[in-house]
Amino acid sequence: MSENGIHHVTALSGPAGRNVDFYTRVLGLRLVKKTVNFDDPGTYHLYYGDGSGTPGTILTFFPIAHAGPGRVGIGETQETAFRVPRASLGWWTHRLVAEGVRHEALVQVFGESTLRFRDPDGMMLALVGVAGAEDEPAFADGIPAEHAIRGFHGVTLLLAEAGPTAAILEGVFGFRETGREGSAIRLESGAKDGGPKIGGAVTLRAVGQFLPGRAGAGSVHHVAFRAADDAEQAAMAERLASEHGLSVTEQRDRNYFRSVYFREPGGVLFEIATDAPGFAVDEPAESLGQALKLPAFLEPHRASIEAVLPAVA
């Protein structure tokens, strides 16, 4: 079994234009795909990441203009963190101040300097200073290359208890426990081919009985983990069913990856997404994210879909 990290994280947001401005201009991510929610084509599905949309760098949103605010609670992702070079945290602190972004003082989390902040919808994000990240590939648009985000560091899940979720991460996705701090347990996935562990950390924060999460703007919808191909995805789904008694959906074609979904024991919606075929399957890599791309079954309805979608840069 190969060790796979996070493929992407999908969240809900408010107005699309504000979302695009924050993630592209303020954070310097690339809009790598502009499409729609395949199950609700009157809503965008926006994908941000590095220059080519590498798995482990992709944060996606369903923007809903008048969405009410979400509430973080048990069974939800509490925080989504990105990797940056350790020496860049001072630069990023100044940038957040200049942009009026709500943020907190630097803290040490599992020995790593962490800068927490919120996006315009209140979604909790963090920048984690990682030694050696300056040597990793970076997409830089409006951000100095030496400070640019290098993909995901990981996510923090808020749970009533950590054990059952840890069993899934370890037994199905190949994570291993690497540390404990108070009620938090850190699990990490080894990098493929000895490369950097992009999207390789999941922190489980067990808080006992607490308010459940409420979906809305600023809340994470699901976390997707990587499978190299259909065969590995099927093996993971089989392990979930046979060893953990969990129900997994049929495979769904998302054009840029193929997915199955399940609700892990702590209540968080997990996805297993294939690395292939990638985001350049329907447009050249150099023009990713510029045109509205629709799946074949929605293409006949393009005119009516475009009529209801708001304009975004």
C-alpha atoms as a PDB file:
ATOM      1  CA  MET A   1       0.000   0.000   0.000  1.00  0.00           C
ATOM      2  CA  SER A   2       1.467   3.345  -1.014  1.00  0.00           C
ATOM      3  CA  GLU A   3       1.272   6.261   1.369  1.00  0.00           C
ATOM      4  CA  ASN A   4      -0.997   8.979   0.078  1.00  0.00           C
ATOM      5  CA  GLY A   5      -1.663  12.429   1.447  1.00  0.00           C
ATOM      6  CA  ILE A   6      -4.456  14.899   0.851  1.00  0.00           C
ATOM      7  CA  HIS A   7      -5.631  15.328  -2.745  1.00  0.00           C
ATOM      8  CA  HIS A   8      -7.869  18.372  -2.205  1.00  0.00           C
ATOM      9  CA  VAL A   9     -10.100  20.142   0.291  1.00  0.00           C
ATOM     10  CA  THR A  10     -13.543  21.447  -0.718  1.00  0.00           C
ATOM     11  CA  ALA A  11     -15.323  24.237   1.168  1.00  0.00           C
ATOM     12  CA  LEU A  12     -18.318  26.560   0.920  1.00  0.00           C
ATOM     13  CA  SER A  13     -18.011  30.309   0.486  1.00  0.00           C
ATOM     14  CA  GLY A  14     -19.928  33.512  -0.060  1.00  0.00           C
ATOM     15  CA  PRO A  15     -19.732  35.595  -3.283  1.00  0.00           C
ATOM     16  CA  ALA A  16     -17.555  34.110  -6.024  1.00  0.00           C
ATOM     17  CA  GLY A  17     -15.778  37.341  -6.937  1.00  0.00           C
ATOM     18  CA  ARG A  18     -14.637  37.948  -3.365  1.00  0.00           C
ATOM     19  CA  ASN A  19     -13.460  34.352  -3.110  1.00  0.00           C
ATOM     20  CA  VAL A  20     -11.408  34.601  -6.319  1.00  0.00           C
ATOM     21  CA  ASP A  21      -9.823  37.879  -5.240  1.00  0.00           C
ATOM     22  CA  PHE A  22      -8.743  36.538  -1.852  1.00  0.00           C
ATOM     23  CA  TYR A  23      -7.255  33.256  -2.990  1.00  0.00           C
ATOM     24  CA  THR A  24      -5.568  34.517  -6.155  1.00  0.00           C
ATOM     25  CA  ARG A  25      -4.527  38.079  -5.319  1.00  0.00           C
ATOM     26  CA  VAL A  26      -4.028  37.933  -1.535  1.00  0.00           C
ATOM     27  CA  LEU A  27      -2.678  34.373  -1.238  1.00  0.00           C
ATOM     28  CA  GLY A  28      -1.187  34.098  -4.733  1.00  0.00           C
ATOM     29  CA  LEU A  29      -2.772  30.749  -5.678  1.00  0.00           C
ATOM     30  CA  ARG A  30      -3.669  29.991  -9.275  1.00  0.00           C
ATOM     31  CA  LEU A  31      -7.291  29.543 -10.340  1.00  0.00           C
ATOM     32  CA  VAL A  32      -6.695  26.250 -12.124  1.00  0.00           C
ATOM     33  CA  LYS A  33     -10.281  25.348 -12.993  1.00  0.00           C
ATOM     34  CA  LYS A  34     -13.505  27.276 -13.350  1.00  0.00           C
ATOM     35  CA  THR A  35     -16.386  24.862 -13.643  1.00  0.00           C
ATOM     36  CA  VAL A  36     -19.724  24.209 -11.917  1.00  0.00           C
ATOM     37  CA  ASN A  37     -21.019  21.948  -9.218  1.00  0.00           C
ATOM     38  CA  PHE A  38     -21.946  18.921 -11.337  1.00  0.00           C
ATOM     39  CA  ASP A  39     -24.901  18.239  -9.009  1.00  0.00           C
ATOM     40  CA  ASP A  40     -26.031  21.895  -8.936  1.00  0.00           C
ATOM     41  CA  PRO A  41     -24.847  23.580 -12.171  1.00  0.00           C
ATOM     42  CA  GLY A  42     -26.203  26.967 -11.159  1.00  0.00           C
ATOM     43  CA  THR A  43     -23.265  27.179  -8.723  1.00  0.00           C
ATOM     44  CA  TYR A  44     -19.592  27.534  -9.587  1.00  0.00           C
ATOM     45  CA  HIS A  45     -16.985  25.032  -8.526  1.00  0.00           C
ATOM     46  CA  LEU A  46     -13.681  26.922  -8.308  1.00  0.00           C
ATOM     47  CA  TYR A  47     -10.332  25.165  -7.917  1.00  0.00           C
ATOM     48  CA  TYR A  48      -7.167  26.888  -6.651  1.00  0.00           C
ATOM     49  CA  GLY A  49      -3.688  25.427  -6.480  1.00  0.00           C
ATOM     50  CA  ASP A  50      -0.202  25.573  -7.907  1.00  0.00           C
ATOM     51  CA  GLY A  51       0.606  26.185 -11.558  1.00  0.00           C
ATOM     52  CA  SER A  52      -0.605  22.818 -12.800  1.00  0.00           C
ATOM     53  CA  GLY A  53      -3.120  21.785 -10.152  1.00  0.00           C
ATOM     54  CA  THR A  54      -0.909  19.182  -8.500  1.00  0.00           C
ATOM     55  CA  PRO A  55      -2.734  16.891  -6.048  1.00  0.00           C
ATOM     56  CA  GLY A  56      -1.956  18.131  -2.569  1.00  0.00           C
ATOM     57  CA  THR A  57      -2.202  21.802  -3.549  1.00  0.00           C
ATOM     58  CA  ILE A  58      -5.898  22.060  -4.468  1.00  0.00           C
ATOM     59  CA  LEU A  59      -8.438  24.008  -2.423  1.00  0.00           C
ATOM     60  CA  THR A  60     -11.880  24.149  -4.038  1.00  0.00           C
ATOM     61  CA  PHE A  61     -15.049  26.124  -3.313  1.00  0.00           C
ATOM     62  CA  PHE A  62     -18.754  26.102  -3.997  1.00  0.00           C
ATOM     63  CA  PRO A  63     -19.481  29.861  -3.786  1.00  0.00           C
ATOM     64  CA  ILE A  64     -23.050  30.842  -2.881  1.00  0.00           C
ATOM     65  CA  ALA A  65     -23.647  34.594  -2.865  1.00  0.00           C
ATOM     66  CA  HIS A  66     -26.110  34.726   0.030  1.00  0.00           C
ATOM     67  CA  ALA A  67     -24.956  31.712   2.026  1.00  0.00           C
ATOM     68  CA  GLY A  68     -25.347  31.976   5.783  1.00  0.00           C
ATOM     69  CA  PRO A  69     -22.256  31.477   7.928  1.00  0.00           C
ATOM     70  CA  GLY A  70     -21.181  27.983   8.857  1.00  0.00           C
ATOM     71  CA  ARG A  71     -20.272  26.870  12.352  1.00  0.00           C
ATOM     72  CA  VAL A  72     -17.292  24.713  13.205  1.00  0.00           C
ATOM     73  CA  GLY A  73     -18.172  21.793  15.428  1.00  0.00           C
ATOM     74  CA  ILE A  74     -17.456  18.125  15.914  1.00  0.00           C
ATOM     75  CA  GLY A  75     -17.451  16.105  12.718  1.00  0.00           C
ATOM     76  CA  GLU A  76     -15.877  18.934  10.741  1.00  0.00           C
ATOM     77  CA  THR A  77     -12.563  20.273   9.521  1.00  0.00           C
ATOM     78  CA  GLN A  78     -11.463  22.951  11.976  1.00  0.00           C
ATOM     79  CA  GLU A  79      -8.441  24.290  10.087  1.00  0.00           C
ATOM     80  CA  THR A  80      -6.822  23.989   6.657  1.00  0.00           C
ATOM     81  CA  ALA A  81      -3.094  24.730   6.599  1.00  0.00           C
ATOM     82  CA  PHE A  82      -0.640  25.572   3.804  1.00  0.00           C
ATOM     83  CA  ARG A  83       3.145  25.091   3.659  1.00  0.00           C
ATOM     84  CA  VAL A  84       5.483  28.059   3.276  1.00  0.00           C
ATOM     85  CA  PRO A  85       9.220  28.450   3.844  1.00  0.00           C
ATOM     86  CA  ARG A  86       9.920  28.959   7.526  1.00  0.00           C
ATOM     87  CA  ALA A  87      11.700  32.257   6.889  1.00  0.00           C
ATOM     88  CA  SER A  88       8.622  33.629   5.071  1.00  0.00           C
ATOM     89  CA  LEU A  89       6.271  33.847   8.037  1.00  0.00           C
ATOM     90  CA  GLY A  90       7.350  37.406   8.853  1.00  0.00           C
ATOM     91  CA  TRP A  91       6.657  38.466   5.273  1.00  0.00           C
ATOM     92  CA  TRP A  92       3.226  36.839   5.391  1.00  0.00           C
ATOM     93  CA  THR A  93       2.384  38.503   8.703  1.00  0.00           C
ATOM     94  CA  HIS A  94       3.038  41.898   7.136  1.00  0.00           C
ATOM     95  CA  ARG A  95       0.972  40.956   4.087  1.00  0.00           C
ATOM     96  CA  LEU A  96      -2.029  39.918   6.172  1.00  0.00           C
ATOM     97  CA  VAL A  97      -1.811  43.171   8.128  1.00  0.00           C
ATOM     98  CA  ALA A  98      -1.592  45.210   4.903  1.00  0.00           C
ATOM     99  CA  GLU A  99      -4.611  43.391   3.444  1.00  0.00           C
ATOM    100  CA  GLY A 100      -6.697  43.717   6.601  1.00  0.00           C
ATOM    101  CA  VAL A 101      -6.919  39.956   7.060  1.00  0.00           C
ATOM    102  CA  ARG A 102      -7.906  38.715  10.509  1.00  0.00           C
ATOM    103  CA  HIS A 103      -5.015  36.738  11.967  1.00  0.00           C
ATOM    104  CA  GLU A 104      -3.507  35.550  15.221  1.00  0.00           C
ATOM    105  CA  ALA A 105      -0.032  35.723  16.729  1.00  0.00           C
ATOM    106  CA  LEU A 106       2.468  33.079  15.718  1.00  0.00           C
ATOM    107  CA  VAL A 107       2.212  29.875  17.740  1.00  0.00           C
ATOM    108  CA  GLN A 108       4.168  26.637  17.869  1.00  0.00           C
ATOM    109  CA  VAL A 109       2.165  23.567  16.859  1.00  0.00           C
ATOM    110  CA  PHE A 110       4.002  20.254  17.004  1.00  0.00           C
ATOM    111  CA  GLY A 111       7.254  22.195  16.873  1.00  0.00           C
ATOM    112  CA  GLU A 112       6.308  24.207  13.777  1.00  0.00           C
ATOM    113  CA  SER A 113       5.683  27.968  13.643  1.00  0.00           C
ATOM    114  CA  THR A 114       2.069  28.486  12.614  1.00  0.00           C
ATOM    115  CA  LEU A 115       0.295  31.673  11.515  1.00  0.00           C
ATOM    116  CA  ARG A 116      -3.493  31.336  11.751  1.00  0.00           C
ATOM    117  CA  PHE A 117      -5.891  33.588   9.874  1.00  0.00           C
ATOM    118  CA  ARG A 118      -9.379  33.644   8.379  1.00  0.00           C
ATOM    119  CA  ASP A 119     -10.639  34.144   4.855  1.00  0.00           C
ATOM    120  CA  PRO A 120     -13.475  36.635   4.133  1.00  0.00           C
ATOM    121  CA  ASP A 121     -16.093  34.019   5.085  1.00  0.00           C
ATOM    122  CA  GLY A 122     -14.423  33.141   8.377  1.00  0.00           C
ATOM    123  CA  MET A 123     -12.838  29.872   7.230  1.00  0.00           C
ATOM    124  CA  MET A 124      -9.905  29.065   9.509  1.00  0.00           C
ATOM    125  CA  LEU A 125      -6.636  28.807   7.579  1.00  0.00           C
ATOM    126  CA  ALA A 126      -2.993  28.637   8.598  1.00  0.00           C
ATOM    127  CA  LEU A 127       0.466  29.054   7.145  1.00  0.00           C
ATOM    128  CA  VAL A 128       3.003  26.608   8.566  1.00  0.00           C
ATOM    129  CA  GLY A 129       6.697  27.428   8.299  1.00  0.00           C
ATOM    130  CA  VAL A 130       8.462  24.321   6.989  1.00  0.00           C
ATOM    131  CA  ALA A 131      12.240  23.944   6.918  1.00  0.00           C
ATOM    132  CA  GLY A 132      13.399  23.230   3.371  1.00  0.00           C
ATOM    133  CA  ALA A 133      10.132  24.334   1.745  1.00  0.00           C
ATOM    134  CA  GLU A 134      12.062  27.031  -0.101  1.00  0.00           C
ATOM    135  CA  ASP A 135      13.520  24.257  -2.269  1.00  0.00           C
ATOM    136  CA  GLU A 136      10.078  22.949  -3.285  1.00  0.00           C
ATOM    137  CA  PRO A 137       8.327  24.054  -6.505  1.00  0.00           C
ATOM    138  CA  ALA A 138       6.145  27.125  -6.137  1.00  0.00           C
ATOM    139  CA  PHE A 139       3.590  28.989  -8.215  1.00  0.00           C
ATOM    140  CA  ALA A 140       3.995  32.714  -7.707  1.00  0.00           C
ATOM    141  CA  ASP A 141       1.586  35.268  -9.170  1.00  0.00           C
ATOM    142  CA  GLY A 142       1.909  38.615  -7.422  1.00  0.00           C
ATOM    143  CA  ILE A 143       3.780  36.937  -4.557  1.00  0.00           C
ATOM    144  CA  PRO A 144       7.608  36.816  -4.433  1.00  0.00           C
ATOM    145  CA  ALA A 145       8.600  33.262  -5.370  1.00  0.00           C
ATOM    146  CA  GLU A 146      10.668  32.829  -2.216  1.00  0.00           C
ATOM    147  CA  HIS A 147       7.545  33.374  -0.073  1.00  0.00           C
ATOM    148  CA  ALA A 148       4.907  31.583  -2.159  1.00  0.00           C
ATOM    149  CA  ILE A 149       2.658  28.854  -0.803  1.00  0.00           C
ATOM    150  CA  ARG A 150       3.947  25.335  -1.530  1.00  0.00           C
ATOM    151  CA  GLY A 151       0.672  23.418  -1.282  1.00  0.00           C
ATOM    152  CA  PHE A 152      -1.090  21.982   1.725  1.00  0.00           C
ATOM    153  CA  HIS A 153       0.551  21.249   5.017  1.00  0.00           C
ATOM    154  CA  GLY A 154      -2.571  19.452   6.232  1.00  0.00           C
ATOM    155  CA  VAL A 155      -5.915  19.697   8.012  1.00  0.00           C
ATOM    156  CA  THR A 156      -7.156  19.616  11.591  1.00  0.00           C
ATOM    157  CA  LEU A 157     -10.330  17.646  12.291  1.00  0.00           C
ATOM    158  CA  LEU A 158     -12.550  18.352  15.303  1.00  0.00           C
ATOM    159  CA  LEU A 159     -13.909  15.098  16.731  1.00  0.00           C
ATOM    160  CA  ALA A 160     -15.637  13.671  19.773  1.00  0.00           C
ATOM    161  CA  GLU A 161     -12.955  10.947  19.934  1.00  0.00           C
ATOM    162  CA  ALA A 162      -9.875  10.365  17.806  1.00  0.00           C
ATOM    163  CA  GLY A 163      -9.360   6.592  17.847  1.00  0.00           C
ATOM    164  CA  PRO A 164     -11.812   5.429  15.151  1.00  0.00           C
ATOM    165  CA  THR A 165     -10.731   8.157  12.721  1.00  0.00           C
ATOM    166  CA  ALA A 166      -7.050   7.405  13.353  1.00  0.00           C
ATOM    167  CA  ALA A 167      -7.731   3.760  12.510  1.00  0.00           C
ATOM    168  CA  ILE A 168      -9.020   4.793   9.066  1.00  0.00           C
ATOM    169  CA  LEU A 169      -6.094   7.110   8.378  1.00  0.00           C
ATOM    170  CA  GLU A 170      -3.570   4.488   9.426  1.00  0.00           C
ATOM    171  CA  GLY A 171      -5.215   1.332   8.083  1.00  0.00           C
ATOM    172  CA  VAL A 172      -6.543   2.651   4.767  1.00  0.00           C
ATOM    173  CA  PHE A 173      -4.470   5.715   3.831  1.00  0.00           C
ATOM    174  CA  GLY A 174      -1.093   4.743   5.267  1.00  0.00           C
ATOM    175  CA  PHE A 175      -0.712   7.562   7.796  1.00  0.00           C
ATOM    176  CA  ARG A 176       1.219   7.047  11.019  1.00  0.00           C
ATOM    177  CA  GLU A 177       1.078   8.798  14.371  1.00  0.00           C
ATOM    178  CA  THR A 178       4.008  11.178  14.866  1.00  0.00           C
ATOM    179  CA  GLY A 179       3.086  13.163  17.965  1.00  0.00           C
ATOM    180  CA  ARG A 180       0.620  14.240  20.643  1.00  0.00           C
ATOM    181  CA  GLU A 181      -0.018  17.632  22.206  1.00  0.00           C
ATOM    182  CA  GLY A 182      -2.799  17.801  24.779  1.00  0.00           C
ATOM    183  CA  SER A 183      -5.970  16.550  23.088  1.00  0.00           C
ATOM    184  CA  ALA A 184      -4.398  16.679  19.615  1.00  0.00           C
ATOM    185  CA  ILE A 185      -2.885  13.742  17.744  1.00  0.00           C
ATOM    186  CA  ARG A 186      -0.725  14.339  14.657  1.00  0.00           C
ATOM    187  CA  LEU A 187      -0.672  11.724  11.895  1.00  0.00           C
ATOM    188  CA  GLU A 188       1.525  11.999   8.814  1.00  0.00           C
ATOM    189  CA  SER A 189       1.774  10.347   5.438  1.00  0.00           C
ATOM    190  CA  GLY A 190       5.142   9.551   3.917  1.00  0.00           C
ATOM    191  CA  ALA A 191       5.936  11.397   0.680  1.00  0.00           C
ATOM    192  CA  LYS A 192       5.965   9.458  -2.550  1.00  0.00           C
ATOM    193  CA  ASP A 193       9.392   8.923  -4.137  1.00  0.00           C
ATOM    194  CA  GLY A 194      11.094  10.575  -1.187  1.00  0.00           C
ATOM    195  CA  GLY A 195       9.758  14.020  -2.100  1.00  0.00           C
ATOM    196  CA  PRO A 196       8.257  16.671   0.188  1.00  0.00           C
ATOM    197  CA  LYS A 197       5.259  15.679   2.260  1.00  0.00           C
ATOM    198  CA  ILE A 198       2.779  18.026   0.594  1.00  0.00           C
ATOM    199  CA  GLY A 199      -0.638  17.546   2.164  1.00  0.00           C
ATOM    200  CA  GLY A 200       0.809  14.923   4.453  1.00  0.00           C
ATOM    201  CA  ALA A 201      -0.426  15.965   7.904  1.00  0.00           C
ATOM    202  CA  VAL A 202      -3.771  15.344   9.593  1.00  0.00           C
ATOM    203  CA  THR A 203      -4.302  16.504  13.169  1.00  0.00           C
ATOM    204  CA  LEU A 204      -7.127  14.969  15.167  1.00  0.00           C
ATOM    205  CA  ARG A 205      -8.443  17.170  17.968  1.00  0.00           C
ATOM    206  CA  ALA A 206     -10.664  15.162  20.324  1.00  0.00           C
ATOM    207  CA  VAL A 207     -12.982  17.389  22.394  1.00  0.00           C
ATOM    208  CA  GLY A 208     -15.673  14.999  23.639  1.00  0.00           C
ATOM    209  CA  GLN A 209     -19.275  16.077  23.381  1.00  0.00           C
ATOM    210  CA  PHE A 210     -19.505  19.461  21.709  1.00  0.00           C
ATOM    211  CA  LEU A 211     -21.771  21.289  19.295  1.00  0.00           C
ATOM    212  CA  PRO A 212     -21.982  19.604  15.877  1.00  0.00           C
ATOM    213  CA  GLY A 213     -20.787  21.552  12.864  1.00  0.00           C
ATOM    214  CA  ARG A 214     -23.217  23.474  10.686  1.00  0.00           C
ATOM    215  CA  ALA A 215     -22.637  23.777   6.941  1.00  0.00           C
ATOM    216  CA  GLY A 216     -22.417  27.294   5.537  1.00  0.00           C
ATOM    217  CA  ALA A 217     -20.028  29.875   4.183  1.00  0.00           C
ATOM    218  CA  GLY A 218     -16.582  29.313   5.636  1.00  0.00           C
ATOM    219  CA  SER A 219     -17.075  25.630   6.411  1.00  0.00           C
ATOM    220  CA  VAL A 220     -15.282  22.685   4.818  1.00  0.00           C
ATOM    221  CA  HIS A 221     -17.529  20.282   2.920  1.00  0.00           C
ATOM    222  CA  HIS A 222     -15.085  17.375   2.600  1.00  0.00           C
ATOM    223  CA  VAL A 223     -11.448  16.305   2.582  1.00  0.00           C
ATOM    224  CA  ALA A 224     -10.173  14.170  -0.316  1.00  0.00           C
ATOM    225  CA  PHE A 225      -7.267  11.741  -0.067  1.00  0.00           C
ATOM    226  CA  ARG A 226      -5.118  10.569  -2.966  1.00  0.00           C
ATOM    227  CA  ALA A 227      -5.265   7.269  -4.830  1.00  0.00           C
ATOM    228  CA  ALA A 228      -2.757   6.740  -7.614  1.00  0.00           C
ATOM    229  CA  ASP A 229      -5.326   5.107  -9.884  1.00  0.00           C
ATOM    230  CA  ASP A 230      -8.655   3.275 -10.045  1.00  0.00           C
ATOM    231  CA  ALA A 231      -7.155   0.027  -8.769  1.00  0.00           C
ATOM    232  CA  GLU A 232      -5.715   1.615  -5.637  1.00  0.00           C
ATOM    233  CA  GLN A 233      -8.975   3.478  -5.046  1.00  0.00           C
ATOM    234  CA  ALA A 234     -10.942   0.240  -5.335  1.00  0.00           C
ATOM    235  CA  ALA A 235      -8.594  -1.491  -2.900  1.00  0.00           C
ATOM    236  CA  MET A 236      -9.084   1.316  -0.386  1.00  0.00           C
ATOM    237  CA  ALA A 237     -12.872   1.129  -0.784  1.00  0.00           C
ATOM    238  CA  GLU A 238     -12.770  -2.623  -0.256  1.00  0.00           C
ATOM    239  CA  ARG A 239     -10.699  -2.201   2.906  1.00  0.00           C
ATOM    240  CA  LEU A 240     -13.142   0.378   4.250  1.00  0.00           C
ATOM    241  CA  ALA A 241     -16.035  -2.012   3.730  1.00  0.00           C
ATOM    242  CA  SER A 242     -14.456  -5.296   4.800  1.00  0.00           C
ATOM    243  CA  GLU A 243     -12.258  -4.135   7.679  1.00  0.00           C
ATOM    244  CA  HIS A 244     -14.139  -1.100   8.987  1.00  0.00           C
ATOM    245  CA  GLY A 245     -17.754  -1.792   7.994  1.00  0.00           C
ATOM    246  CA  LEU A 246     -18.157   1.543   6.219  1.00  0.00           C
ATOM    247  CA  SER A 247     -20.398   2.189   3.238  1.00  0.00           C
ATOM    248  CA  VAL A 248     -18.658   3.748   0.219  1.00  0.00           C
ATOM    249  CA  THR A 249     -20.423   5.348  -2.757  1.00  0.00           C
ATOM    250  CA  GLU A 250     -20.094   4.195  -6.330  1.00  0.00           C
ATOM    251  CA  GLN A 251     -17.310   5.853  -8.314  1.00  0.00           C
ATOM    252  CA  ARG A 252     -18.219   9.265  -9.737  1.00  0.00           C
ATOM    253  CA  ASP A 253     -16.427  10.879 -12.647  1.00  0.00           C
ATOM    254  CA  ARG A 254     -15.421  14.465 -11.778  1.00  0.00           C
ATOM    255  CA  ASN A 255     -13.640  14.980 -15.145  1.00  0.00           C
ATOM    256  CA  TYR A 256     -10.292  15.804 -13.489  1.00  0.00           C
ATOM    257  CA  PHE A 257     -10.284  12.856 -11.098  1.00  0.00           C
ATOM    258  CA  ARG A 258     -12.586   9.954 -10.205  1.00  0.00           C
ATOM    259  CA  SER A 259     -14.068   9.859  -6.737  1.00  0.00           C
ATOM    260  CA  VAL A 260     -15.721   7.732  -4.107  1.00  0.00           C
ATOM    261  CA  TYR A 261     -17.091   9.132  -0.835  1.00  0.00           C
ATOM    262  CA  PHE A 262     -17.752   7.897   2.682  1.00  0.00           C
ATOM    263  CA  ARG A 263     -18.504   9.299   6.128  1.00  0.00           C
ATOM    264  CA  GLU A 264     -15.681   8.385   8.499  1.00  0.00           C
ATOM    265  CA  PRO A 265     -16.544   7.325  12.080  1.00  0.00           C
ATOM    266  CA  GLY A 266     -16.099  10.843  13.471  1.00  0.00           C
ATOM    267  CA  GLY A 267     -18.628  12.275  11.029  1.00  0.00           C
ATOM    268  CA  VAL A 268     -16.290  14.012   8.563  1.00  0.00           C
ATOM    269  CA  LEU A 269     -17.058  13.443   4.875  1.00  0.00           C
ATOM    270  CA  PHE A 270     -14.006  11.876   3.218  1.00  0.00           C
ATOM    271  CA  GLU A 271     -13.357  11.370  -0.477  1.00  0.00           C
ATOM    272  CA  ILE A 272     -10.820   9.195  -2.266  1.00  0.00           C
ATOM    273  CA  ALA A 273      -9.776  10.889  -5.518  1.00  0.00           C
ATOM    274  CA  THR A 274      -7.524   9.528  -8.252  1.00  0.00           C
ATOM    275  CA  ASP A 275      -4.505  11.527  -9.358  1.00  0.00           C
ATOM    276  CA  ALA A 276      -5.460  11.043 -13.021  1.00  0.00           C
ATOM    277  CA  PRO A 277      -6.390  12.492 -15.428  1.00  0.00           C
ATOM    278  CA  GLY A 278      -5.571  15.940 -14.003  1.00  0.00           C
ATOM    279  CA  PHE A 279      -6.681  19.482 -14.774  1.00  0.00           C
ATOM    280  CA  ALA A 280      -5.139  19.832 -18.230  1.00  0.00           C
ATOM    281  CA  VAL A 281      -7.447  17.177 -19.682  1.00  0.00           C
ATOM    282  CA  ASP A 282      -9.833  19.762 -21.198  1.00  0.00           C
ATOM    283  CA  GLU A 283      -7.704  22.906 -21.646  1.00  0.00           C
ATOM    284  CA  PRO A 284      -4.013  23.727 -22.134  1.00  0.00           C
ATOM    285  CA  ALA A 285      -1.930  23.996 -18.987  1.00  0.00           C
ATOM    286  CA  GLU A 286      -0.953  27.570 -19.811  1.00  0.00           C
ATOM    287  CA  SER A 287      -4.591  28.741 -19.849  1.00  0.00           C
ATOM    288  CA  LEU A 288      -5.967  26.790 -16.900  1.00  0.00           C
ATOM    289  CA  GLY A 289      -8.878  28.479 -15.151  1.00  0.00           C
ATOM    290  CA  GLN A 290      -9.585  31.123 -17.782  1.00  0.00           C
ATOM    291  CA  ALA A 291     -12.661  29.631 -19.475  1.00  0.00           C
ATOM    292  CA  LEU A 292     -15.769  28.050 -17.968  1.00  0.00           C
ATOM    293  CA  LYS A 293     -15.397  24.305 -18.465  1.00  0.00           C
ATOM    294  CA  LEU A 294     -18.433  22.019 -18.377  1.00  0.00           C
ATOM    295  CA  PRO A 295     -18.729  18.232 -18.388  1.00  0.00           C
ATOM    296  CA  ALA A 296     -20.111  16.734 -21.580  1.00  0.00           C
ATOM    297  CA  PHE A 297     -23.564  16.108 -20.097  1.00  0.00           C
ATOM    298  CA  LEU A 298     -23.940  19.812 -19.230  1.00  0.00           C
ATOM    299  CA  GLU A 299     -22.477  21.280 -22.414  1.00  0.00           C
ATOM    300  CA  PRO A 300     -25.875  21.400 -24.214  1.00  0.00           C
ATOM    301  CA  HIS A 301     -27.090  23.672 -21.390  1.00  0.00           C
ATOM    302  CA  ARG A 302     -24.133  26.079 -21.489  1.00  0.00           C
ATOM    303  CA  ALA A 303     -26.159  29.165 -22.460  1.00  0.00           C
ATOM    304  CA  SER A 304     -28.643  28.785 -19.605  1.00  0.00           C
ATOM    305  CA  ILE A 305     -25.877  27.948 -17.113  1.00  0.00           C
ATOM    306  CA  GLU A 306     -23.765  30.962 -18.073  1.00  0.00           C
ATOM    307  CA  ALA A 307     -26.860  33.188 -17.814  1.00  0.00           C
ATOM    308  CA  VAL A 308     -27.204  32.542 -14.067  1.00  0.00           C
ATOM    309  CA  LEU A 309     -23.530  32.471 -13.039  1.00  0.00           C
ATOM    310  CA  PRO A 310     -21.995  35.738 -11.789  1.00  0.00           C
ATOM    311  CA  ALA A 311     -19.023  37.167 -13.656  1.00  0.00           C
ATOM    312  CA  VAL A 312     -15.637  36.460 -12.053  1.00  0.00           C
ATOM    313  CA  ALA A 313     -12.157  37.571 -13.065  1.00  0.00           C
END
